[in-house]
N, C-alpha and C. Protein backbone atom coordinates (compact mmCIF):
# COMPACT_ATOMS: atom_id res chain seq x y z
N MET A 1 118.88 105.90 71.50
CA MET A 1 117.43 105.87 71.64
C MET A 1 117.00 104.80 72.66
N VAL A 2 117.65 103.64 72.59
CA VAL A 2 117.33 102.55 73.52
C VAL A 2 117.68 102.98 74.94
N ARG A 3 118.79 103.67 75.09
CA ARG A 3 119.21 104.11 76.41
C ARG A 3 118.19 105.07 77.02
N VAL A 4 117.69 106.01 76.23
CA VAL A 4 116.69 106.95 76.71
C VAL A 4 115.40 106.21 77.08
N ALA A 5 115.03 105.22 76.28
CA ALA A 5 113.82 104.43 76.57
C ALA A 5 113.98 103.70 77.89
N LEU A 6 115.13 103.09 78.10
CA LEU A 6 115.36 102.37 79.37
C LEU A 6 115.44 103.32 80.55
N GLN A 7 116.05 104.49 80.35
CA GLN A 7 116.13 105.48 81.41
C GLN A 7 114.75 106.04 81.76
N THR A 8 113.82 105.94 80.84
CA THR A 8 112.46 106.40 81.09
C THR A 8 111.60 105.28 81.68
N LEU A 9 111.70 104.08 81.13
CA LEU A 9 110.81 102.99 81.54
C LEU A 9 111.14 102.41 82.91
N TRP A 10 112.42 102.32 83.25
CA TRP A 10 112.77 101.69 84.53
C TRP A 10 112.28 102.51 85.72
N PRO A 11 112.56 103.82 85.80
CA PRO A 11 112.00 104.58 86.92
C PRO A 11 110.47 104.61 86.91
N ALA A 12 109.87 104.62 85.72
CA ALA A 12 108.41 104.59 85.62
C ALA A 12 107.87 103.28 86.19
N PHE A 13 108.56 102.19 85.92
CA PHE A 13 108.17 100.88 86.45
C PHE A 13 108.19 100.89 87.97
N LEU A 14 109.27 101.41 88.54
CA LEU A 14 109.40 101.45 90.00
C LEU A 14 108.32 102.34 90.63
N MET A 15 108.09 103.49 90.04
CA MET A 15 107.11 104.41 90.60
C MET A 15 105.68 103.90 90.41
N ALA A 16 105.43 103.16 89.34
CA ALA A 16 104.10 102.56 89.16
C ALA A 16 103.83 101.56 90.28
N GLY A 17 104.84 100.81 90.68
CA GLY A 17 104.69 99.88 91.79
C GLY A 17 104.39 100.60 93.09
N VAL A 18 105.10 101.69 93.33
CA VAL A 18 104.86 102.48 94.54
C VAL A 18 103.46 103.08 94.52
N LEU A 19 103.08 103.66 93.39
CA LEU A 19 101.76 104.28 93.27
C LEU A 19 100.65 103.24 93.45
N GLU A 20 100.85 102.06 92.91
CA GLU A 20 99.84 101.01 93.07
C GLU A 20 99.69 100.62 94.53
N MET A 21 100.80 100.50 95.24
CA MET A 21 100.71 100.17 96.66
C MET A 21 99.98 101.26 97.43
N LEU A 22 100.26 102.50 97.11
CA LEU A 22 99.59 103.60 97.80
C LEU A 22 98.09 103.64 97.50
N VAL A 23 97.74 103.48 96.23
CA VAL A 23 96.33 103.54 95.84
C VAL A 23 95.54 102.40 96.45
N PHE A 24 96.05 101.18 96.32
CA PHE A 24 95.28 100.04 96.80
C PHE A 24 95.42 99.81 98.31
N ALA A 25 96.25 100.60 98.97
CA ALA A 25 96.21 100.61 100.43
C ALA A 25 94.98 101.37 100.92
N LEU A 26 94.48 102.28 100.07
CA LEU A 26 93.32 103.09 100.44
C LEU A 26 92.03 102.68 99.74
N VAL A 27 92.14 102.01 98.60
CA VAL A 27 90.96 101.67 97.78
C VAL A 27 90.82 100.16 97.70
N ASP A 28 89.63 99.67 97.98
CA ASP A 28 89.35 98.24 97.84
C ASP A 28 88.87 97.99 96.40
N PRO A 29 89.54 97.11 95.64
CA PRO A 29 89.15 96.88 94.25
C PRO A 29 87.70 96.43 94.09
N SER A 30 87.14 95.78 95.08
CA SER A 30 85.74 95.33 94.96
C SER A 30 84.76 96.50 95.08
N ASP A 31 85.22 97.66 95.54
CA ASP A 31 84.36 98.84 95.64
C ASP A 31 84.39 99.72 94.40
N LEU A 32 85.18 99.36 93.40
CA LEU A 32 85.30 100.19 92.19
C LEU A 32 84.07 100.03 91.30
N HIS A 33 83.71 101.12 90.64
CA HIS A 33 82.56 101.14 89.74
C HIS A 33 82.96 101.83 88.43
N TRP A 34 82.28 101.45 87.34
CA TRP A 34 82.44 102.13 86.06
C TRP A 34 81.88 103.54 86.18
N LEU A 35 82.14 104.38 85.21
CA LEU A 35 81.65 105.75 85.27
C LEU A 35 80.13 105.81 85.30
N GLY A 36 79.45 104.84 84.73
CA GLY A 36 78.00 104.81 84.73
C GLY A 36 77.41 104.32 86.05
N GLY A 37 78.23 103.86 86.96
CA GLY A 37 77.76 103.42 88.26
C GLY A 37 77.71 101.91 88.44
N ALA A 38 77.86 101.15 87.36
CA ALA A 38 77.83 99.69 87.46
C ALA A 38 79.13 99.20 88.10
N PRO A 39 79.05 98.22 88.98
CA PRO A 39 80.28 97.71 89.60
C PRO A 39 81.16 97.00 88.57
N ILE A 40 82.44 97.06 88.81
CA ILE A 40 83.39 96.35 87.94
C ILE A 40 83.49 94.92 88.44
N ASN A 41 83.00 94.00 87.65
CA ASN A 41 83.02 92.59 88.04
C ASN A 41 84.25 91.91 87.44
N ALA A 42 85.36 92.08 88.10
CA ALA A 42 86.61 91.47 87.66
C ALA A 42 87.36 91.01 88.90
N PRO A 43 88.17 89.97 88.74
CA PRO A 43 88.98 89.52 89.89
C PRO A 43 89.95 90.62 90.34
N ARG A 44 90.26 90.60 91.62
CA ARG A 44 91.18 91.60 92.19
C ARG A 44 92.51 91.64 91.44
N GLN A 45 93.04 90.46 91.14
CA GLN A 45 94.34 90.40 90.47
C GLN A 45 94.30 91.10 89.11
N THR A 46 93.19 90.97 88.39
CA THR A 46 93.03 91.65 87.10
C THR A 46 93.04 93.16 87.29
N LEU A 47 92.34 93.65 88.29
CA LEU A 47 92.31 95.09 88.53
C LEU A 47 93.68 95.61 88.97
N TYR A 48 94.39 94.83 89.80
CA TYR A 48 95.74 95.23 90.20
C TYR A 48 96.65 95.32 88.97
N THR A 49 96.55 94.35 88.09
CA THR A 49 97.41 94.31 86.90
C THR A 49 97.09 95.47 85.96
N LEU A 50 95.80 95.68 85.69
CA LEU A 50 95.41 96.77 84.79
C LEU A 50 95.80 98.13 85.36
N ALA A 51 95.62 98.29 86.66
CA ALA A 51 96.01 99.56 87.29
C ALA A 51 97.51 99.77 87.19
N PHE A 52 98.28 98.71 87.44
CA PHE A 52 99.74 98.84 87.36
C PHE A 52 100.16 99.29 85.96
N PHE A 53 99.62 98.65 84.92
CA PHE A 53 100.02 99.02 83.56
C PHE A 53 99.53 100.42 83.20
N ALA A 54 98.38 100.82 83.70
CA ALA A 54 97.90 102.19 83.45
C ALA A 54 98.82 103.20 84.14
N PHE A 55 99.18 102.95 85.39
CA PHE A 55 100.09 103.83 86.10
C PHE A 55 101.45 103.89 85.40
N TRP A 56 101.95 102.73 84.98
CA TRP A 56 103.24 102.67 84.31
C TRP A 56 103.20 103.47 83.01
N ALA A 57 102.14 103.33 82.24
CA ALA A 57 102.03 104.04 80.98
C ALA A 57 102.00 105.56 81.19
N VAL A 58 101.21 106.00 82.14
CA VAL A 58 101.10 107.45 82.38
C VAL A 58 102.43 108.02 82.86
N ILE A 59 103.09 107.35 83.77
CA ILE A 59 104.37 107.83 84.28
C ILE A 59 105.44 107.77 83.19
N ALA A 60 105.42 106.73 82.36
CA ALA A 60 106.39 106.62 81.26
C ALA A 60 106.20 107.73 80.24
N VAL A 61 104.96 108.05 79.93
CA VAL A 61 104.70 109.15 78.98
C VAL A 61 105.21 110.47 79.55
N ALA A 62 104.97 110.70 80.83
CA ALA A 62 105.48 111.92 81.46
C ALA A 62 107.00 111.96 81.41
N GLY A 63 107.65 110.84 81.68
CA GLY A 63 109.11 110.79 81.61
C GLY A 63 109.63 110.97 80.19
N ALA A 64 108.93 110.40 79.22
CA ALA A 64 109.35 110.54 77.83
C ALA A 64 109.22 111.99 77.35
N ILE A 65 108.16 112.65 77.77
CA ILE A 65 108.01 114.06 77.41
C ILE A 65 109.12 114.89 78.04
N THR A 66 109.47 114.59 79.28
CA THR A 66 110.57 115.29 79.93
C THR A 66 111.88 115.04 79.20
N ALA A 67 112.15 113.80 78.82
CA ALA A 67 113.38 113.48 78.09
C ALA A 67 113.41 114.20 76.75
N LEU A 68 112.27 114.27 76.07
CA LEU A 68 112.20 114.97 74.79
C LEU A 68 112.47 116.46 74.97
N LEU A 69 111.91 117.04 76.01
CA LEU A 69 112.12 118.47 76.25
C LEU A 69 113.55 118.78 76.68
N LEU A 70 114.25 117.82 77.27
CA LEU A 70 115.63 118.03 77.69
C LEU A 70 116.63 117.88 76.55
N CYS A 71 116.20 117.25 75.45
CA CYS A 71 117.09 117.08 74.31
C CYS A 71 117.35 118.44 73.66
N ARG A 72 118.58 118.62 73.26
CA ARG A 72 118.90 119.83 72.51
C ARG A 72 118.36 119.69 71.11
N GLY A 73 118.17 120.78 70.41
CA GLY A 73 117.61 120.76 69.08
C GLY A 73 118.42 119.95 68.09
N ASP A 74 119.76 120.03 68.16
CA ASP A 74 120.60 119.28 67.21
C ASP A 74 120.49 117.78 67.43
N GLU A 75 120.25 117.33 68.67
CA GLU A 75 120.07 115.89 68.92
C GLU A 75 118.76 115.41 68.34
N THR A 76 117.73 116.21 68.45
CA THR A 76 116.43 115.82 67.91
C THR A 76 116.48 115.80 66.39
N ASP A 77 117.12 116.80 65.77
CA ASP A 77 117.20 116.85 64.32
C ASP A 77 118.05 115.71 63.77
N ARG A 78 119.09 115.32 64.48
CA ARG A 78 119.97 114.27 64.03
C ARG A 78 119.27 112.91 64.01
N SER A 79 118.33 112.67 64.94
CA SER A 79 117.68 111.38 65.03
C SER A 79 116.62 111.18 63.95
N SER A 80 116.15 112.23 63.30
CA SER A 80 115.11 112.07 62.27
C SER A 80 115.69 111.95 60.89
């Protein structure tokens, strides 16, 4: 189980870094607004950090779902 978690989290970590570089190469954090239109008044570093963890979480969930779908039925039944 730990091996599958690491195999999922490490590539997700790397891709979250790449995605963050791509997004913030095009988007200025000071131009971001909440859905209601109010500007987000937070330091740039905070927005970079929150975005990185959001990207990492989404990519990790996608990888975990893929790993779960790749497991054979007997492996899934054995772990519960």
